[in-house]
Amino acid sequence: MTKQKEIFIPKEPAKVGICAGGDPAYDLSHIGQARAYVAVDVLYRYLKHLGYEVT
């Protein structure tokens, strides 16, 4: 973390992996849990739009 913008360079050209852990279901779902799922989905869709193979 350099506190500066850096160019994104994947380890394998045109391939990106996303690891999104599951939600610990201790109680009823709430909006904070939904936010995490939406954030990962938006990132996934954006990377696909840029032409990356996302796994």
Protein backbone atom coordinates (compact mmCIF):
# COMPACT_ATOMS: atom_id res chain seq x y z
CA MET A 1 0.00 0.00 0.00
CA THR A 2 1.70 3.12 -1.23
CA LYS A 3 -1.21 5.57 -0.82
CA GLN A 4 -0.84 6.31 -4.52
CA LYS A 5 -2.74 5.09 -7.56
CA GLU A 6 -1.14 2.01 -9.05
CA ILE A 7 -1.72 0.27 -12.35
CA PHE A 8 -3.57 -3.02 -11.96
CA ILE A 9 -1.49 -5.86 -13.38
CA PRO A 10 -2.91 -9.38 -12.88
CA LYS A 11 -0.55 -12.29 -12.18
CA GLU A 12 -1.83 -14.06 -15.29
CA PRO A 13 -2.63 -11.89 -18.32
CA ALA A 14 -6.39 -11.46 -18.86
CA LYS A 15 -7.27 -13.60 -15.80
CA VAL A 16 -8.39 -12.33 -12.41
CA GLY A 17 -9.46 -14.31 -9.35
CA ILE A 18 -11.78 -12.95 -6.67
CA CYS A 19 -12.07 -14.56 -3.26
CA ALA A 20 -15.17 -13.48 -1.37
CA GLY A 21 -15.73 -15.26 1.92
CA GLY A 22 -19.13 -16.41 2.98
CA ASP A 23 -21.25 -14.67 5.54
CA PRO A 24 -21.34 -16.05 9.08
CA ALA A 25 -25.07 -16.48 9.66
CA TYR A 26 -25.36 -15.75 13.38
CA ASP A 27 -28.61 -13.86 13.11
CA LEU A 28 -30.99 -12.41 10.56
CA SER A 29 -29.49 -10.84 7.45
CA HIS A 30 -29.06 -7.08 7.38
CA ILE A 31 -28.10 -4.37 4.88
CA GLY A 32 -24.41 -4.49 5.84
CA GLN A 33 -24.21 -8.09 4.65
CA ALA A 34 -25.96 -7.23 1.39
CA ARG A 35 -23.45 -4.41 0.81
CA ALA A 36 -20.57 -6.90 0.78
CA TYR A 37 -22.30 -9.08 -1.83
CA VAL A 38 -23.15 -6.09 -4.01
CA ALA A 39 -19.57 -4.75 -3.85
CA VAL A 40 -18.12 -8.07 -5.03
CA ASP A 41 -20.75 -8.33 -7.78
CA VAL A 42 -19.98 -4.82 -9.05
CA LEU A 43 -16.24 -5.57 -9.08
CA TYR A 44 -16.87 -8.85 -10.94
CA ARG A 45 -19.03 -7.17 -13.58
CA TYR A 46 -16.57 -4.30 -14.05
CA LEU A 47 -13.62 -6.65 -14.56
CA LYS A 48 -15.68 -8.70 -17.05
CA HIS A 49 -16.56 -5.47 -18.87
CA LEU A 50 -12.84 -4.67 -19.14
CA GLY A 51 -12.30 -8.05 -20.80
CA TYR A 52 -10.81 -10.06 -17.95
CA GLU A 53 -11.68 -13.71 -17.35
CA VAL A 54 -12.90 -13.60 -13.76
CA THR A 55 -12.98 -16.68 -11.55
